[in-house]
Amino acid sequence: FACCANYDCRTTHTGEVLEKPEGYVIAGTGEIVPMTDKRVKDSPDGEFHWCAHQAGLDAGKTICLFVPPRSY
């Protein structure tokens, strides 16, 4: 996963990232990442992977989000 250092990314559990009309909602933080945001990337394994800052003022903020193909 090439948007950040490996220690910033992890596979999410069911319900941690929700696909809503306004975008992808990070359940733990309430952050909304619009589907058209440049931080949204295609997942190489078909799973959600959330990459976020782990410390400092930006802790918990999304660096990038790998998403599976959208459901219809």
PDB file of N, CA and C in Angstrom:
ATOM      1  N   PHE A   1       0.859  -1.175   0.000  1.00  0.00           N
ATOM      2  CA  PHE A   1       0.000   0.000   0.000  1.00  0.00           C
ATOM      3  C   PHE A   1       0.893   1.222   0.000  1.00  0.00           C
ATOM      4  N   ALA A   2       0.841   1.956  -1.081  1.00  0.00           N
ATOM      5  CA  ALA A   2       1.893   2.917  -1.375  1.00  0.00           C
ATOM      6  C   ALA A   2       1.617   4.367  -1.010  1.00  0.00           C
ATOM      7  N   CYS A   3       0.631   4.672  -0.216  1.00  0.00           N
ATOM      8  CA  CYS A   3       0.387   6.088   0.075  1.00  0.00           C
ATOM      9  C   CYS A   3       1.115   6.557   1.320  1.00  0.00           C
ATOM     10  N   CYS A   4       1.643   5.631   2.108  1.00  0.00           N
ATOM     11  CA  CYS A   4       2.274   6.010   3.370  1.00  0.00           C
ATOM     12  C   CYS A   4       3.174   4.882   3.856  1.00  0.00           C
ATOM     13  N   ALA A   5       3.765   5.066   5.018  1.00  0.00           N
ATOM     14  CA  ALA A   5       4.597   4.017   5.611  1.00  0.00           C
ATOM     15  C   ALA A   5       3.714   2.839   6.034  1.00  0.00           C
ATOM     16  N   ASN A   6       4.255   1.639   5.993  1.00  0.00           N
ATOM     17  CA  ASN A   6       3.471   0.443   6.328  1.00  0.00           C
ATOM     18  C   ASN A   6       2.816   0.500   7.696  1.00  0.00           C
ATOM     19  N   TYR A   7       3.454   1.150   8.669  1.00  0.00           N
ATOM     20  CA  TYR A   7       2.887   1.168  10.019  1.00  0.00           C
ATOM     21  C   TYR A   7       1.655   2.057  10.137  1.00  0.00           C
ATOM     22  N   ASP A   8       1.354   2.854   9.116  1.00  0.00           N
ATOM     23  CA  ASP A   8       0.172   3.715   9.142  1.00  0.00           C
ATOM     24  C   ASP A   8      -1.066   3.048   8.553  1.00  0.00           C
ATOM     25  N   CYS A   9      -0.916   1.884   7.912  1.00  0.00           N
ATOM     26  CA  CYS A   9      -2.035   1.233   7.226  1.00  0.00           C
ATOM     27  C   CYS A   9      -2.435  -0.066   7.904  1.00  0.00           C
ATOM     28  N   ARG A  10      -3.735  -0.331   7.856  1.00  0.00           N
ATOM     29  CA  ARG A  10      -4.220  -1.609   8.375  1.00  0.00           C
ATOM     30  C   ARG A  10      -5.525  -1.973   7.684  1.00  0.00           C
ATOM     31  N   THR A  11      -5.791  -3.279   7.634  1.00  0.00           N
ATOM     32  CA  THR A  11      -7.068  -3.765   7.127  1.00  0.00           C
ATOM     33  C   THR A  11      -8.137  -3.404   8.144  1.00  0.00           C
ATOM     34  N   THR A  12      -9.291  -2.980   7.676  1.00  0.00           N
ATOM     35  CA  THR A  12     -10.362  -2.616   8.607  1.00  0.00           C
ATOM     36  C   THR A  12     -11.242  -3.822   8.918  1.00  0.00           C
ATOM     37  N   HIS A  13     -11.948  -3.711  10.021  1.00  0.00           N
ATOM     38  CA  HIS A  13     -12.926  -4.722  10.404  1.00  0.00           C
ATOM     39  C   HIS A  13     -14.295  -4.303   9.868  1.00  0.00           C
ATOM     40  N   THR A  14     -15.216  -5.234   9.777  1.00  0.00           N
ATOM     41  CA  THR A  14     -16.567  -4.944   9.297  1.00  0.00           C
ATOM     42  C   THR A  14     -17.170  -3.791  10.097  1.00  0.00           C
ATOM     43  N   GLY A  15     -17.693  -2.805   9.397  1.00  0.00           N
ATOM     44  CA  GLY A  15     -18.353  -1.675  10.037  1.00  0.00           C
ATOM     45  C   GLY A  15     -17.450  -0.503  10.361  1.00  0.00           C
ATOM     46  N   GLU A  16     -16.148  -0.638  10.178  1.00  0.00           N
ATOM     47  CA  GLU A  16     -15.237   0.476  10.476  1.00  0.00           C
ATOM     48  C   GLU A  16     -15.251   1.543   9.388  1.00  0.00           C
ATOM     49  N   VAL A  17     -15.488   1.130   8.149  1.00  0.00           N
ATOM     50  CA  VAL A  17     -15.620   2.065   7.032  1.00  0.00           C
ATOM     51  C   VAL A  17     -16.973   1.792   6.402  1.00  0.00           C
ATOM     52  N   LEU A  18     -17.795   2.824   6.358  1.00  0.00           N
ATOM     53  CA  LEU A  18     -19.152   2.681   5.830  1.00  0.00           C
ATOM     54  C   LEU A  18     -19.277   3.456   4.529  1.00  0.00           C
ATOM     55  N   GLU A  19     -19.874   2.835   3.527  1.00  0.00           N
ATOM     56  CA  GLU A  19     -20.111   3.495   2.243  1.00  0.00           C
ATOM     57  C   GLU A  19     -21.470   4.174   2.317  1.00  0.00           C
ATOM     58  N   LYS A  20     -21.475   5.497   2.307  1.00  0.00           N
ATOM     59  CA  LYS A  20     -22.697   6.296   2.411  1.00  0.00           C
ATOM     60  C   LYS A  20     -22.797   7.214   1.196  1.00  0.00           C
ATOM     61  N   PRO A  21     -23.961   7.826   0.957  1.00  0.00           N
ATOM     62  CA  PRO A  21     -24.089   8.731  -0.191  1.00  0.00           C
ATOM     63  C   PRO A  21     -23.083   9.886  -0.167  1.00  0.00           C
ATOM     64  N   GLU A  22     -22.707  10.357   1.029  1.00  0.00           N
ATOM     65  CA  GLU A  22     -21.780  11.482   1.130  1.00  0.00           C
ATOM     66  C   GLU A  22     -20.314  11.070   0.995  1.00  0.00           C
ATOM     67  N   GLY A  23     -20.054   9.761   1.016  1.00  0.00           N
ATOM     68  CA  GLY A  23     -18.687   9.266   0.881  1.00  0.00           C
ATOM     69  C   GLY A  23     -18.431   8.116   1.829  1.00  0.00           C
ATOM     70  N   TYR A  24     -17.158   7.843   2.062  1.00  0.00           N
ATOM     71  CA  TYR A  24     -16.767   6.782   2.989  1.00  0.00           C
ATOM     72  C   TYR A  24     -16.658   7.389   4.379  1.00  0.00           C
ATOM     73  N   VAL A  25     -17.373   6.814   5.326  1.00  0.00           N
ATOM     74  CA  VAL A  25     -17.379   7.322   6.693  1.00  0.00           C
ATOM     75  C   VAL A  25     -16.495   6.418   7.545  1.00  0.00           C
ATOM     76  N   ILE A  26     -15.516   7.026   8.207  1.00  0.00           N
ATOM     77  CA  ILE A  26     -14.658   6.301   9.134  1.00  0.00           C
ATOM     78  C   ILE A  26     -15.399   6.288  10.465  1.00  0.00           C
ATOM     79  N   ALA A  27     -15.928   5.132  10.837  1.00  0.00           N
ATOM     80  CA  ALA A  27     -16.828   5.041  11.989  1.00  0.00           C
ATOM     81  C   ALA A  27     -16.181   5.519  13.285  1.00  0.00           C
ATOM     82  N   GLY A  28     -14.923   5.212  13.503  1.00  0.00           N
ATOM     83  CA  GLY A  28     -14.276   5.564  14.764  1.00  0.00           C
ATOM     84  C   GLY A  28     -14.043   7.044  14.965  1.00  0.00           C
ATOM     85  N   THR A  29     -13.941   7.796  13.872  1.00  0.00           N
ATOM     86  CA  THR A  29     -13.636   9.223  13.977  1.00  0.00           C
ATOM     87  C   THR A  29     -14.759  10.117  13.454  1.00  0.00           C
ATOM     88  N   GLY A  30     -15.661   9.539  12.649  1.00  0.00           N
ATOM     89  CA  GLY A  30     -16.710  10.336  12.027  1.00  0.00           C
ATOM     90  C   GLY A  30     -16.243  11.070  10.779  1.00  0.00           C
ATOM     91  N   GLU A  31     -14.982  10.910  10.434  1.00  0.00           N
ATOM     92  CA  GLU A  31     -14.444  11.575   9.249  1.00  0.00           C
ATOM     93  C   GLU A  31     -15.143  11.044   7.998  1.00  0.00           C
ATOM     94  N   ILE A  32     -15.435  11.949   7.073  1.00  0.00           N
ATOM     95  CA  ILE A  32     -16.035  11.582   5.792  1.00  0.00           C
ATOM     96  C   ILE A  32     -14.997  11.825   4.702  1.00  0.00           C
ATOM     97  N   VAL A  33     -14.721  10.785   3.930  1.00  0.00           N
ATOM     98  CA  VAL A  33     -13.800  10.890   2.800  1.00  0.00           C
ATOM     99  C   VAL A  33     -14.651  10.756   1.538  1.00  0.00           C
ATOM    100  N   PRO A  34     -14.864  11.860   0.804  1.00  0.00           N
ATOM    101  CA  PRO A  34     -15.681  11.783  -0.406  1.00  0.00           C
ATOM    102  C   PRO A  34     -15.130  10.752  -1.394  1.00  0.00           C
ATOM    103  N   MET A  35     -16.020  10.105  -2.123  1.00  0.00           N
ATOM    104  CA  MET A  35     -15.607   9.068  -3.071  1.00  0.00           C
ATOM    105  C   MET A  35     -14.700   9.612  -4.165  1.00  0.00           C
ATOM    106  N   THR A  36     -14.781  10.902  -4.426  1.00  0.00           N
ATOM    107  CA  THR A  36     -13.954  11.522  -5.463  1.00  0.00           C
ATOM    108  C   THR A  36     -12.643  12.074  -4.909  1.00  0.00           C
ATOM    109  N   ASP A  37     -12.405  11.914  -3.618  1.00  0.00           N
ATOM    110  CA  ASP A  37     -11.201  12.438  -2.965  1.00  0.00           C
ATOM    111  C   ASP A  37      -9.954  11.736  -3.505  1.00  0.00           C
ATOM    112  N   LYS A  38      -8.874  12.481  -3.674  1.00  0.00           N
ATOM    113  CA  LYS A  38      -7.631  11.893  -4.196  1.00  0.00           C
ATOM    114  C   LYS A  38      -7.016  10.888  -3.233  1.00  0.00           C
ATOM    115  N   ARG A  39      -7.452  10.858  -1.984  1.00  0.00           N
ATOM    116  CA  ARG A  39      -6.947   9.878  -1.015  1.00  0.00           C
ATOM    117  C   ARG A  39      -7.571   8.502  -1.198  1.00  0.00           C
ATOM    118  N   VAL A  40      -8.650   8.398  -1.963  1.00  0.00           N
ATOM    119  CA  VAL A  40      -9.316   7.115  -2.207  1.00  0.00           C
ATOM    120  C   VAL A  40      -8.565   6.383  -3.318  1.00  0.00           C
ATOM    121  N   LYS A  41      -8.158   5.156  -3.018  1.00  0.00           N
ATOM    122  CA  LYS A  41      -7.388   4.333  -3.957  1.00  0.00           C
ATOM    123  C   LYS A  41      -8.084   2.989  -4.143  1.00  0.00           C
ATOM    124  N   ASP A  42      -7.839   2.346  -5.276  1.00  0.00           N
ATOM    125  CA  ASP A  42      -8.365   0.999  -5.509  1.00  0.00           C
ATOM    126  C   ASP A  42      -7.605   0.004  -4.645  1.00  0.00           C
ATOM    127  N   SER A  43      -8.338  -0.857  -3.960  1.00  0.00           N
ATOM    128  CA  SER A  43      -7.717  -1.872  -3.119  1.00  0.00           C
ATOM    129  C   SER A  43      -7.188  -3.013  -3.979  1.00  0.00           C
ATOM    130  N   PRO A  44      -5.923  -3.402  -3.782  1.00  0.00           N
ATOM    131  CA  PRO A  44      -5.377  -4.497  -4.578  1.00  0.00           C
ATOM    132  C   PRO A  44      -5.903  -5.872  -4.167  1.00  0.00           C
ATOM    133  N   ASP A  45      -6.495  -5.976  -2.979  1.00  0.00           N
ATOM    134  CA  ASP A  45      -6.979  -7.286  -2.522  1.00  0.00           C
ATOM    135  C   ASP A  45      -8.490  -7.329  -2.282  1.00  0.00           C
ATOM    136  N   GLY A  46      -9.208  -6.255  -2.675  1.00  0.00           N
ATOM    137  CA  GLY A  46     -10.657  -6.248  -2.539  1.00  0.00           C
ATOM    138  C   GLY A  46     -11.161  -5.989  -1.131  1.00  0.00           C
ATOM    139  N   GLU A  47     -10.294  -5.535  -0.240  1.00  0.00           N
ATOM    140  CA  GLU A  47     -10.665  -5.232   1.146  1.00  0.00           C
ATOM    141  C   GLU A  47     -10.406  -3.751   1.421  1.00  0.00           C
ATOM    142  N   PHE A  48     -11.102  -3.208   2.438  1.00  0.00           N
ATOM    143  CA  PHE A  48     -10.804  -1.852   2.883  1.00  0.00           C
ATOM    144  C   PHE A  48      -9.497  -1.861   3.664  1.00  0.00           C
ATOM    145  N   HIS A  49      -8.656  -0.870   3.406  1.00  0.00           N
ATOM    146  CA  HIS A  49      -7.442  -0.633   4.188  1.00  0.00           C
ATOM    147  C   HIS A  49      -7.426   0.853   4.499  1.00  0.00           C
ATOM    148  N   TRP A  50      -7.333   1.187   5.783  1.00  0.00           N
ATOM    149  CA  TRP A  50      -7.336   2.580   6.220  1.00  0.00           C
ATOM    150  C   TRP A  50      -5.935   2.955   6.647  1.00  0.00           C
ATOM    151  N   CYS A  51      -5.422   4.011   6.071  1.00  0.00           N
ATOM    152  CA  CYS A  51      -4.096   4.512   6.418  1.00  0.00           C
ATOM    153  C   CYS A  51      -4.291   5.872   7.074  1.00  0.00           C
ATOM    154  N   ALA A  52      -3.855   5.989   8.321  1.00  0.00           N
ATOM    155  CA  ALA A  52      -4.085   7.209   9.086  1.00  0.00           C
ATOM    156  C   ALA A  52      -2.855   7.558   9.907  1.00  0.00           C
ATOM    157  N   HIS A  53      -2.724   8.845  10.199  1.00  0.00           N
ATOM    158  CA  HIS A  53      -1.641   9.299  11.069  1.00  0.00           C
ATOM    159  C   HIS A  53      -1.816   8.652  12.436  1.00  0.00           C
ATOM    160  N   GLN A  54      -0.716   8.190  13.013  1.00  0.00           N
ATOM    161  CA  GLN A  54      -0.766   7.483  14.290  1.00  0.00           C
ATOM    162  C   GLN A  54      -0.448   8.367  15.488  1.00  0.00           C
ATOM    163  N   ALA A  55       0.146   9.538  15.259  1.00  0.00           N
ATOM    164  CA  ALA A  55       0.541  10.395  16.378  1.00  0.00           C
ATOM    165  C   ALA A  55       0.525  11.856  15.936  1.00  0.00           C
ATOM    166  N   GLY A  56       0.659  12.730  16.900  1.00  0.00           N
ATOM    167  CA  GLY A  56       0.738  14.157  16.610  1.00  0.00           C
ATOM    168  C   GLY A  56      -0.626  14.794  16.431  1.00  0.00           C
ATOM    169  N   LEU A  57      -0.608  16.017  15.948  1.00  0.00           N
ATOM    170  CA  LEU A  57      -1.845  16.782  15.789  1.00  0.00           C
ATOM    171  C   LEU A  57      -2.812  16.146  14.799  1.00  0.00           C
ATOM    172  N   ASP A  58      -2.288  15.392  13.839  1.00  0.00           N
ATOM    173  CA  ASP A  58      -3.127  14.755  12.822  1.00  0.00           C
ATOM    174  C   ASP A  58      -3.506  13.318  13.165  1.00  0.00           C
ATOM    175  N   ALA A  59      -3.243  12.867  14.376  1.00  0.00           N
ATOM    176  CA  ALA A  59      -3.537  11.479  14.764  1.00  0.00           C
ATOM    177  C   ALA A  59      -4.994  11.142  14.453  1.00  0.00           C
ATOM    178  N   GLY A  60      -5.199  10.015  13.773  1.00  0.00           N
ATOM    179  CA  GLY A  60      -6.539   9.569  13.413  1.00  0.00           C
ATOM    180  C   GLY A  60      -7.071  10.141  12.116  1.00  0.00           C
ATOM    181  N   LYS A  61      -6.352  11.052  11.500  1.00  0.00           N
ATOM    182  CA  LYS A  61      -6.784  11.626  10.216  1.00  0.00           C
ATOM    183  C   LYS A  61      -6.330  10.721   9.072  1.00  0.00           C
ATOM    184  N   THR A  62      -7.199  10.570   8.102  1.00  0.00           N
ATOM    185  CA  THR A  62      -6.927   9.690   6.971  1.00  0.00           C
ATOM    186  C   THR A  62      -5.815  10.228   6.084  1.00  0.00           C
ATOM    187  N   ILE A  63      -4.842   9.355   5.788  1.00  0.00           N
ATOM    188  CA  ILE A  63      -3.810   9.647   4.795  1.00  0.00           C
ATOM    189  C   ILE A  63      -4.324   9.166   3.443  1.00  0.00           C
ATOM    190  N   CYS A  64      -4.824   7.931   3.411  1.00  0.00           N
ATOM    191  CA  CYS A  64      -5.477   7.396   2.221  1.00  0.00           C
ATOM    192  C   CYS A  64      -6.366   6.231   2.639  1.00  0.00           C
ATOM    193  N   LEU A  65      -7.241   5.859   1.744  1.00  0.00           N
ATOM    194  CA  LEU A  65      -8.196   4.793   2.011  1.00  0.00           C
ATOM    195  C   LEU A  65      -8.257   3.906   0.774  1.00  0.00           C
ATOM    196  N   PHE A  66      -7.876   2.644   0.949  1.00  0.00           N
ATOM    197  CA  PHE A  66      -7.973   1.675  -0.145  1.00  0.00           C
ATOM    198  C   PHE A  66      -9.343   1.023  -0.060  1.00  0.00           C
ATOM    199  N   VAL A  67     -10.086   1.067  -1.160  1.00  0.00           N
ATOM    200  CA  VAL A  67     -11.463   0.579  -1.150  1.00  0.00           C
ATOM    201  C   VAL A  67     -11.663  -0.512  -2.198  1.00  0.00           C
ATOM    202  N   PRO A  68     -12.535  -1.486  -1.881  1.00  0.00           N
ATOM    203  CA  PRO A  68     -12.871  -2.515  -2.866  1.00  0.00           C
ATOM    204  C   PRO A  68     -13.780  -1.922  -3.939  1.00  0.00           C
ATOM    205  N   PRO A  69     -14.030  -2.665  -5.006  1.00  0.00           N
ATOM    206  CA  PRO A  69     -14.973  -2.178  -6.020  1.00  0.00           C
ATOM    207  C   PRO A  69     -16.309  -1.848  -5.365  1.00  0.00           C
ATOM    208  N   ARG A  70     -16.941  -0.773  -5.808  1.00  0.00           N
ATOM    209  CA  ARG A  70     -18.207  -0.330  -5.217  1.00  0.00           C
ATOM    210  C   ARG A  70     -19.309  -1.337  -5.466  1.00  0.00           C
ATOM    211  N   SER A  71     -20.171  -1.472  -4.462  1.00  0.00           N
ATOM    212  CA  SER A  71     -21.341  -2.348  -4.608  1.00  0.00           C
ATOM    213  C   SER A  71     -22.451  -1.571  -5.297  1.00  0.00           C
ATOM    214  N   TYR A  72     -23.297  -2.272  -6.018  1.00  0.00           N
ATOM    215  CA  TYR A  72     -24.395  -1.615  -6.746  1.00  0.00           C
ATOM    216  C   TYR A  72     -25.711  -2.194  -6.315  1.00  0.00           C
TER     217      TYR A  72
END
